């Protein structure tokens, strides 16, 4: 059985990636503001983005 999408479904699907990226960015920002870990799976390992970003900022400040 083949399912042909309607133009409305195509438009919804086209916006999914942008919506997911916005949600991810907001989650990182909220985690950084509140000190809450934001975990993702990267290369098969669980990584806290807020800790990773904090280390990058500390390294950048040390280089000044």
C-alpha atoms as a PDB file:
ATOM      1  CA  UNK A   1       0.000   0.000   0.000  1.00  0.00           C
ATOM      2  CA  UNK A   2       1.464   3.315  -0.994  1.00  0.00           C
ATOM      3  CA  UNK A   3       0.717   6.468   0.924  1.00  0.00           C
ATOM      4  CA  UNK A   4       0.911   9.723  -0.947  1.00  0.00           C
ATOM      5  CA  UNK A   5       1.353  12.753   1.235  1.00  0.00           C
ATOM      6  CA  UNK A   6      -0.791  15.816   0.870  1.00  0.00           C
ATOM      7  CA  UNK A   7       0.723  19.281   0.448  1.00  0.00           C
ATOM      8  CA  UNK A   8      -0.176  20.025   4.091  1.00  0.00           C
ATOM      9  CA  UNK A   9       1.765  16.974   5.303  1.00  0.00           C
ATOM     10  CA  UNK A  10       4.744  18.001   3.173  1.00  0.00           C
ATOM     11  CA  UNK A  11       4.748  21.485   4.714  1.00  0.00           C
ATOM     12  CA  UNK A  12       4.525  20.022   8.225  1.00  0.00           C
ATOM     13  CA  UNK A  13       7.369  17.612   7.565  1.00  0.00           C
ATOM     14  CA  UNK A  14       9.496  20.380   6.058  1.00  0.00           C
ATOM     15  CA  UNK A  15       9.234  22.381   9.293  1.00  0.00           C
ATOM     16  CA  UNK A  16      10.118  19.518  11.621  1.00  0.00           C
ATOM     17  CA  UNK A  17      13.898  19.888  11.442  1.00  0.00           C
ATOM     18  CA  UNK A  18      13.780  23.622  12.165  1.00  0.00           C
ATOM     19  CA  UNK A  19      11.402  23.054  15.080  1.00  0.00           C
ATOM     20  CA  UNK A  20      13.645  20.360  16.562  1.00  0.00           C
ATOM     21  CA  UNK A  21      16.692  22.621  16.263  1.00  0.00           C
ATOM     22  CA  UNK A  22      14.838  25.476  18.011  1.00  0.00           C
ATOM     23  CA  UNK A  23      13.729  23.147  20.795  1.00  0.00           C
ATOM     24  CA  UNK A  24      17.270  21.831  21.255  1.00  0.00           C
ATOM     25  CA  UNK A  25      18.707  25.348  21.392  1.00  0.00           C
ATOM     26  CA  UNK A  26      16.125  26.408  23.981  1.00  0.00           C
ATOM     27  CA  UNK A  27      16.811  23.305  26.072  1.00  0.00           C
ATOM     28  CA  UNK A  28      20.554  24.099  26.100  1.00  0.00           C
ATOM     29  CA  UNK A  29      19.877  27.728  27.033  1.00  0.00           C
ATOM     30  CA  UNK A  30      17.531  26.713  29.840  1.00  0.00           C
ATOM     31  CA  UNK A  31      20.012  24.140  31.118  1.00  0.00           C
ATOM     32  CA  UNK A  32      22.790  26.714  31.195  1.00  0.00           C
ATOM     33  CA  UNK A  33      20.600  29.307  32.964  1.00  0.00           C
ATOM     34  CA  UNK A  34      19.344  26.894  35.610  1.00  0.00           C
ATOM     35  CA  UNK A  35      22.388  24.657  35.992  1.00  0.00           C
ATOM     36  CA  UNK A  36      20.373  21.673  34.805  1.00  0.00           C
ATOM     37  CA  UNK A  37      22.223  19.007  32.796  1.00  0.00           C
ATOM     38  CA  UNK A  38      21.203  18.553  29.165  1.00  0.00           C
ATOM     39  CA  UNK A  39      22.155  15.066  28.049  1.00  0.00           C
ATOM     40  CA  UNK A  40      22.552  13.870  24.468  1.00  0.00           C
ATOM     41  CA  UNK A  41      23.912  10.723  22.884  1.00  0.00           C
ATOM     42  CA  UNK A  42      27.069  11.539  20.910  1.00  0.00           C
ATOM     43  CA  UNK A  43      29.240   8.859  19.308  1.00  0.00           C
ATOM     44  CA  UNK A  44      27.609   6.217  21.496  1.00  0.00           C
ATOM     45  CA  UNK A  45      28.334   8.128  24.729  1.00  0.00           C
ATOM     46  CA  UNK A  46      26.050  10.168  26.959  1.00  0.00           C
ATOM     47  CA  UNK A  47      27.318  13.764  27.095  1.00  0.00           C
ATOM     48  CA  UNK A  48      26.147  16.709  29.237  1.00  0.00           C
ATOM     49  CA  UNK A  49      26.034  19.691  26.880  1.00  0.00           C
ATOM     50  CA  UNK A  50      25.918  22.232  29.702  1.00  0.00           C
ATOM     51  CA  UNK A  51      29.114  20.894  31.250  1.00  0.00           C
ATOM     52  CA  UNK A  52      30.774  20.706  27.847  1.00  0.00           C
ATOM     53  CA  UNK A  53      29.801  24.293  27.057  1.00  0.00           C
ATOM     54  CA  UNK A  54      30.973  25.485  30.471  1.00  0.00           C
ATOM     55  CA  UNK A  55      34.381  23.910  29.878  1.00  0.00           C
ATOM     56  CA  UNK A  56      34.630  25.592  26.475  1.00  0.00           C
ATOM     57  CA  UNK A  57      33.823  28.973  28.022  1.00  0.00           C
ATOM     58  CA  UNK A  58      36.374  28.442  30.802  1.00  0.00           C
ATOM     59  CA  UNK A  59      39.045  27.520  28.244  1.00  0.00           C
ATOM     60  CA  UNK A  60      38.188  30.587  26.168  1.00  0.00           C
ATOM     61  CA  UNK A  61      38.441  32.879  29.226  1.00  0.00           C
ATOM     62  CA  UNK A  62      41.802  31.355  30.225  1.00  0.00           C
ATOM     63  CA  UNK A  63      43.195  32.120  26.772  1.00  0.00           C
ATOM     64  CA  UNK A  64      42.450  35.859  27.137  1.00  0.00           C
END
